[in-house]
């Protein structure tokens, strides 16, 4: 019996079939892609049936994205939440590497500010000193920075990313483990 071939991130399943008189041939069965895509860890170049580099179809907010690109966390700084600024090849032709790096740097800068030890100490000291009554009147620095980050992501989406068929998702939904960017149609392609 032949060894089974693993199915890693491949659009096709390969089967070896035994035919009489000791001949083997390979049959490829197509595997259906899910209707709603999900991001996954990077295992190499995109599969052959991916939507990257193909004519766009769909509209942001109405249709499901064709693909979702995952930007991983950068653990060089320790436990502090930071995202990697390595340019994904999937964005080639949509945004420049410089623009992508500026986006990630803006997000990382707000995350560094949100996790400020000085602001956390002051907020927690006031909370304990006032028996947590101050928490009814004061908003924490972390919450303020999270609101600022959400506004910044919405601003980047409307000004830069949505016009080229990309949409940055709110990373708090996945506990800041990674940043997901949906791959949609370009807006100006809808009217051609």
C-alpha atoms as a PDB file:
ATOM      1  CA  UNK A   1       0.000   0.000   0.000  1.00  0.00           C
ATOM      2  CA  UNK A   2       1.324   3.469  -0.783  1.00  0.00           C
ATOM      3  CA  UNK A   3       1.813   5.971   2.006  1.00  0.00           C
ATOM      4  CA  UNK A   4      -0.966   8.512   2.300  1.00  0.00           C
ATOM      5  CA  UNK A   5      -0.186  12.000   1.087  1.00  0.00           C
ATOM      6  CA  UNK A   6      -1.003  14.706   3.652  1.00  0.00           C
ATOM      7  CA  UNK A   7      -3.487  17.385   2.688  1.00  0.00           C
ATOM      8  CA  UNK A   8      -1.765  20.591   3.793  1.00  0.00           C
ATOM      9  CA  UNK A   9      -3.397  23.772   2.519  1.00  0.00           C
ATOM     10  CA  UNK A  10      -3.804  22.325  -0.960  1.00  0.00           C
ATOM     11  CA  UNK A  11      -6.757  22.945  -3.238  1.00  0.00           C
ATOM     12  CA  UNK A  12      -6.601  19.389  -4.522  1.00  0.00           C
ATOM     13  CA  UNK A  13      -6.668  15.995  -2.864  1.00  0.00           C
ATOM     14  CA  UNK A  14      -4.337  13.471  -4.426  1.00  0.00           C
ATOM     15  CA  UNK A  15      -5.282   9.776  -4.431  1.00  0.00           C
ATOM     16  CA  UNK A  16      -3.163   6.894  -5.628  1.00  0.00           C
ATOM     17  CA  UNK A  17      -5.255   4.187  -7.214  1.00  0.00           C
ATOM     18  CA  UNK A  18      -4.051   0.633  -7.885  1.00  0.00           C
ATOM     19  CA  UNK A  19      -4.827  -0.713 -11.329  1.00  0.00           C
ATOM     20  CA  UNK A  20      -4.304  -4.304 -12.466  1.00  0.00           C
ATOM     21  CA  UNK A  21      -0.831  -5.568 -13.409  1.00  0.00           C
ATOM     22  CA  UNK A  22       0.935  -3.477 -10.759  1.00  0.00           C
ATOM     23  CA  UNK A  23       0.284  -0.048 -12.256  1.00  0.00           C
ATOM     24  CA  UNK A  24      -0.467   3.015 -10.148  1.00  0.00           C
ATOM     25  CA  UNK A  25      -1.886   6.228 -11.380  1.00  0.00           C
ATOM     26  CA  UNK A  26      -2.803   9.428  -9.608  1.00  0.00           C
ATOM     27  CA  UNK A  27      -6.293  10.854  -9.540  1.00  0.00           C
ATOM     28  CA  UNK A  28      -6.926  14.384  -8.367  1.00  0.00           C
ATOM     29  CA  UNK A  29     -10.222  15.127  -6.690  1.00  0.00           C
ATOM     30  CA  UNK A  30     -11.143  18.757  -6.279  1.00  0.00           C
ATOM     31  CA  UNK A  31     -11.951  20.003  -2.799  1.00  0.00           C
ATOM     32  CA  UNK A  32     -14.524  22.743  -2.444  1.00  0.00           C
ATOM     33  CA  UNK A  33     -13.447  26.004  -0.841  1.00  0.00           C
ATOM     34  CA  UNK A  34     -15.639  27.280   1.990  1.00  0.00           C
ATOM     35  CA  UNK A  35     -18.167  29.971   1.127  1.00  0.00           C
ATOM     36  CA  UNK A  36     -16.997  32.179   3.992  1.00  0.00           C
ATOM     37  CA  UNK A  37     -13.183  32.278   4.112  1.00  0.00           C
ATOM     38  CA  UNK A  38     -11.194  32.306   7.329  1.00  0.00           C
ATOM     39  CA  UNK A  39      -7.656  33.350   8.050  1.00  0.00           C
ATOM     40  CA  UNK A  40      -4.993  30.803   8.858  1.00  0.00           C
ATOM     41  CA  UNK A  41      -1.345  30.630   9.738  1.00  0.00           C
ATOM     42  CA  UNK A  42       1.060  31.281   6.906  1.00  0.00           C
ATOM     43  CA  UNK A  43       2.349  28.005   5.444  1.00  0.00           C
ATOM     44  CA  UNK A  44       3.858  29.300   2.238  1.00  0.00           C
ATOM     45  CA  UNK A  45       2.620  30.936  -0.931  1.00  0.00           C
ATOM     46  CA  UNK A  46      -1.141  31.152  -1.512  1.00  0.00           C
ATOM     47  CA  UNK A  47      -2.744  28.029  -3.025  1.00  0.00           C
ATOM     48  CA  UNK A  48      -3.446  27.875  -6.738  1.00  0.00           C
ATOM     49  CA  UNK A  49      -7.192  28.386  -6.279  1.00  0.00           C
ATOM     50  CA  UNK A  50      -6.860  31.528  -4.133  1.00  0.00           C
ATOM     51  CA  UNK A  51      -8.395  34.826  -5.197  1.00  0.00           C
ATOM     52  CA  UNK A  52      -5.178  36.828  -4.926  1.00  0.00           C
ATOM     53  CA  UNK A  53      -4.318  38.526  -8.191  1.00  0.00           C
ATOM     54  CA  UNK A  54      -7.613  37.583  -9.859  1.00  0.00           C
ATOM     55  CA  UNK A  55     -10.292  39.951 -11.149  1.00  0.00           C
ATOM     56  CA  UNK A  56     -12.252  41.122  -8.105  1.00  0.00           C
ATOM     57  CA  UNK A  57     -15.881  40.217  -7.455  1.00  0.00           C
ATOM     58  CA  UNK A  58     -18.169  41.409  -4.650  1.00  0.00           C
ATOM     59  CA  UNK A  59     -18.644  44.519  -2.536  1.00  0.00           C
ATOM     60  CA  UNK A  60     -17.489  45.431   0.969  1.00  0.00           C
ATOM     61  CA  UNK A  61     -20.253  45.089   3.541  1.00  0.00           C
ATOM     62  CA  UNK A  62     -22.590  43.210   1.204  1.00  0.00           C
ATOM     63  CA  UNK A  63     -20.703  40.107   0.074  1.00  0.00           C
ATOM     64  CA  UNK A  64     -18.336  37.796   1.890  1.00  0.00           C
ATOM     65  CA  UNK A  65     -14.664  38.566   1.317  1.00  0.00           C
ATOM     66  CA  UNK A  66     -12.855  36.412  -1.226  1.00  0.00           C
ATOM     67  CA  UNK A  67      -9.915  35.839   1.121  1.00  0.00           C
ATOM     68  CA  UNK A  68      -8.762  36.936   4.581  1.00  0.00           C
ATOM     69  CA  UNK A  69      -5.108  37.762   5.194  1.00  0.00           C
ATOM     70  CA  UNK A  70      -3.755  37.244   8.708  1.00  0.00           C
ATOM     71  CA  UNK A  71      -1.054  39.552  10.062  1.00  0.00           C
ATOM     72  CA  UNK A  72       0.626  37.746  12.943  1.00  0.00           C
ATOM     73  CA  UNK A  73       1.718  39.137  16.305  1.00  0.00           C
ATOM     74  CA  UNK A  74       5.316  40.211  16.756  1.00  0.00           C
ATOM     75  CA  UNK A  75       6.690  38.818  20.025  1.00  0.00           C
ATOM     76  CA  UNK A  76      10.087  40.536  19.816  1.00  0.00           C
ATOM     77  CA  UNK A  77       8.967  43.090  22.415  1.00  0.00           C
ATOM     78  CA  UNK A  78       7.764  40.394  24.829  1.00  0.00           C
ATOM     79  CA  UNK A  79       4.154  40.209  25.947  1.00  0.00           C
ATOM     80  CA  UNK A  80       3.299  43.695  24.699  1.00  0.00           C
ATOM     81  CA  UNK A  81       0.766  43.469  21.879  1.00  0.00           C
ATOM     82  CA  UNK A  82       2.430  44.367  18.568  1.00  0.00           C
ATOM     83  CA  UNK A  83       1.740  43.237  15.015  1.00  0.00           C
ATOM     84  CA  UNK A  84       4.388  42.216  12.512  1.00  0.00           C
ATOM     85  CA  UNK A  85       5.108  44.777   9.798  1.00  0.00           C
ATOM     86  CA  UNK A  86       6.212  42.191   7.216  1.00  0.00           C
ATOM     87  CA  UNK A  87       4.442  42.989   3.946  1.00  0.00           C
ATOM     88  CA  UNK A  88       2.136  40.141   2.793  1.00  0.00           C
ATOM     89  CA  UNK A  89       2.603  39.295  -0.898  1.00  0.00           C
ATOM     90  CA  UNK A  90      -1.173  39.049  -1.209  1.00  0.00           C
ATOM     91  CA  UNK A  91      -1.414  42.874  -1.142  1.00  0.00           C
ATOM     92  CA  UNK A  92       0.842  43.335  -4.141  1.00  0.00           C
ATOM     93  CA  UNK A  93      -0.902  45.710  -6.535  1.00  0.00           C
ATOM     94  CA  UNK A  94      -3.384  46.927  -3.918  1.00  0.00           C
ATOM     95  CA  UNK A  95      -1.312  48.911  -1.407  1.00  0.00           C
ATOM     96  CA  UNK A  96       2.380  49.719  -1.220  1.00  0.00           C
ATOM     97  CA  UNK A  97       4.692  48.145   1.348  1.00  0.00           C
ATOM     98  CA  UNK A  98       5.344  51.619   2.764  1.00  0.00           C
ATOM     99  CA  UNK A  99       1.625  52.276   3.309  1.00  0.00           C
ATOM    100  CA  UNK A 100       1.177  48.874   4.951  1.00  0.00           C
ATOM    101  CA  UNK A 101       4.132  49.514   7.269  1.00  0.00           C
ATOM    102  CA  UNK A 102       2.737  52.948   8.207  1.00  0.00           C
ATOM    103  CA  UNK A 103      -0.600  51.324   9.040  1.00  0.00           C
ATOM    104  CA  UNK A 104       0.964  48.684  11.261  1.00  0.00           C
ATOM    105  CA  UNK A 105       3.200  51.269  12.949  1.00  0.00           C
ATOM    106  CA  UNK A 106       0.171  53.485  13.701  1.00  0.00           C
ATOM    107  CA  UNK A 107      -1.690  50.534  15.213  1.00  0.00           C
ATOM    108  CA  UNK A 108       1.353  49.413  17.220  1.00  0.00           C
ATOM    109  CA  UNK A 109       1.946  52.936  18.534  1.00  0.00           C
ATOM    110  CA  UNK A 110      -1.595  53.141  19.927  1.00  0.00           C
ATOM    111  CA  UNK A 111      -1.259  49.668  21.471  1.00  0.00           C
ATOM    112  CA  UNK A 112       1.984  50.685  23.211  1.00  0.00           C
ATOM    113  CA  UNK A 113       0.256  53.762  24.609  1.00  0.00           C
ATOM    114  CA  UNK A 114      -2.748  51.709  25.772  1.00  0.00           C
ATOM    115  CA  UNK A 115      -0.526  49.416  27.829  1.00  0.00           C
ATOM    116  CA  UNK A 116       1.271  52.254  29.612  1.00  0.00           C
ATOM    117  CA  UNK A 117       2.304  51.175  33.126  1.00  0.00           C
ATOM    118  CA  UNK A 118       2.170  54.751  34.440  1.00  0.00           C
ATOM    119  CA  UNK A 119      -1.437  55.289  33.377  1.00  0.00           C
ATOM    120  CA  UNK A 120      -2.480  51.871  34.690  1.00  0.00           C
ATOM    121  CA  UNK A 121      -0.858  52.543  38.060  1.00  0.00           C
ATOM    122  CA  UNK A 122      -2.596  55.916  38.462  1.00  0.00           C
ATOM    123  CA  UNK A 123      -6.002  54.544  37.420  1.00  0.00           C
ATOM    124  CA  UNK A 124      -5.739  51.510  39.712  1.00  0.00           C
ATOM    125  CA  UNK A 125      -4.433  53.576  42.640  1.00  0.00           C
ATOM    126  CA  UNK A 126      -7.405  55.950  42.344  1.00  0.00           C
ATOM    127  CA  UNK A 127      -9.791  53.021  42.055  1.00  0.00           C
ATOM    128  CA  UNK A 128      -8.473  51.370  45.214  1.00  0.00           C
ATOM    129  CA  UNK A 129      -8.218  54.663  47.140  1.00  0.00           C
ATOM    130  CA  UNK A 130     -11.848  55.561  46.374  1.00  0.00           C
ATOM    131  CA  UNK A 131     -13.198  52.042  46.871  1.00  0.00           C
ATOM    132  CA  UNK A 132     -13.745  51.819  43.091  1.00  0.00           C
ATOM    133  CA  UNK A 133     -16.145  54.757  43.085  1.00  0.00           C
ATOM    134  CA  UNK A 134     -13.793  56.621  40.738  1.00  0.00           C
ATOM    135  CA  UNK A 135     -14.381  53.973  38.059  1.00  0.00           C
ATOM    136  CA  UNK A 136     -17.948  55.298  37.687  1.00  0.00           C
ATOM    137  CA  UNK A 137     -16.630  58.750  36.781  1.00  0.00           C
ATOM    138  CA  UNK A 138     -13.252  58.116  35.163  1.00  0.00           C
ATOM    139  CA  UNK A 139     -12.582  56.195  31.999  1.00  0.00           C
ATOM    140  CA  UNK A 140      -9.360  54.216  31.985  1.00  0.00           C
ATOM    141  CA  UNK A 141      -6.516  55.205  29.691  1.00  0.00           C
ATOM    142  CA  UNK A 142      -6.741  51.725  28.127  1.00  0.00           C
ATOM    143  CA  UNK A 143     -10.410  52.223  27.195  1.00  0.00           C
ATOM    144  CA  UNK A 144      -9.662  55.665  25.751  1.00  0.00           C
ATOM    145  CA  UNK A 145      -6.844  54.233  23.638  1.00  0.00           C
ATOM    146  CA  UNK A 146      -9.029  51.341  22.452  1.00  0.00           C
ATOM    147  CA  UNK A 147     -11.635  53.857  21.270  1.00  0.00           C
ATOM    148  CA  UNK A 148      -8.877  55.823  19.542  1.00  0.00           C
ATOM    149  CA  UNK A 149      -7.591  52.622  17.906  1.00  0.00           C
ATOM    150  CA  UNK A 150     -11.063  51.707  16.667  1.00  0.00           C
ATOM    151  CA  UNK A 151     -11.496  55.192  15.188  1.00  0.00           C
ATOM    152  CA  UNK A 152      -8.033  54.983  13.593  1.00  0.00           C
ATOM    153  CA  UNK A 153      -8.839  51.621  11.976  1.00  0.00           C
ATOM    154  CA  UNK A 154     -12.165  52.951  10.672  1.00  0.00           C
ATOM    155  CA  UNK A 155     -10.369  56.027   9.322  1.00  0.00           C
ATOM    156  CA  UNK A 156      -7.703  53.905   7.591  1.00  0.00           C
ATOM    157  CA  UNK A 157     -10.420  51.697   6.107  1.00  0.00           C
ATOM    158  CA  UNK A 158     -12.404  54.596   4.671  1.00  0.00           C
ATOM    159  CA  UNK A 159      -9.429  56.634   3.459  1.00  0.00           C
ATOM    160  CA  UNK A 160      -7.087  53.968   2.105  1.00  0.00           C
ATOM    161  CA  UNK A 161      -8.058  50.333   2.400  1.00  0.00           C
ATOM    162  CA  UNK A 162     -11.709  50.152   1.301  1.00  0.00           C
ATOM    163  CA  UNK A 163     -11.002  52.014  -1.924  1.00  0.00           C
ATOM    164  CA  UNK A 164      -8.556  49.267  -3.005  1.00  0.00           C
ATOM    165  CA  UNK A 165     -10.771  46.370  -1.896  1.00  0.00           C
ATOM    166  CA  UNK A 166      -9.294  45.704   1.560  1.00  0.00           C
ATOM    167  CA  UNK A 167     -10.912  45.965   4.981  1.00  0.00           C
ATOM    168  CA  UNK A 168      -9.117  45.815   8.346  1.00  0.00           C
ATOM    169  CA  UNK A 169     -11.160  43.956  10.970  1.00  0.00           C
ATOM    170  CA  UNK A 170     -11.290  45.015  14.620  1.00  0.00           C
ATOM    171  CA  UNK A 171      -8.548  42.919  16.285  1.00  0.00           C
ATOM    172  CA  UNK A 172     -10.226  42.914  19.695  1.00  0.00           C
ATOM    173  CA  UNK A 173     -12.717  40.357  18.319  1.00  0.00           C
ATOM    174  CA  UNK A 174      -9.854  37.834  18.194  1.00  0.00           C
ATOM    175  CA  UNK A 175      -8.243  39.033  21.457  1.00  0.00           C
ATOM    176  CA  UNK A 176      -5.420  40.801  19.579  1.00  0.00           C
ATOM    177  CA  UNK A 177      -3.874  37.430  18.666  1.00  0.00           C
ATOM    178  CA  UNK A 178      -3.581  38.560  15.051  1.00  0.00           C
ATOM    179  CA  UNK A 179      -4.857  41.243  12.700  1.00  0.00           C
ATOM    180  CA  UNK A 180      -7.175  40.161   9.892  1.00  0.00           C
ATOM    181  CA  UNK A 181      -7.532  42.074   6.642  1.00  0.00           C
ATOM    182  CA  UNK A 182     -10.340  41.072   4.286  1.00  0.00           C
ATOM    183  CA  UNK A 183      -9.593  40.891   0.568  1.00  0.00           C
ATOM    184  CA  UNK A 184     -12.527  42.293  -1.443  1.00  0.00           C
ATOM    185  CA  UNK A 185     -13.228  43.871  -4.778  1.00  0.00           C
ATOM    186  CA  UNK A 186     -11.880  47.283  -5.699  1.00  0.00           C
ATOM    187  CA  UNK A 187     -14.674  49.821  -5.600  1.00  0.00           C
ATOM    188  CA  UNK A 188     -13.951  51.349  -8.982  1.00  0.00           C
ATOM    189  CA  UNK A 189     -14.157  47.902 -10.627  1.00  0.00           C
ATOM    190  CA  UNK A 190     -17.853  47.695  -9.733  1.00  0.00           C
ATOM    191  CA  UNK A 191     -18.819  50.433 -12.136  1.00  0.00           C
ATOM    192  CA  UNK A 192     -16.919  49.227 -15.207  1.00  0.00           C
END
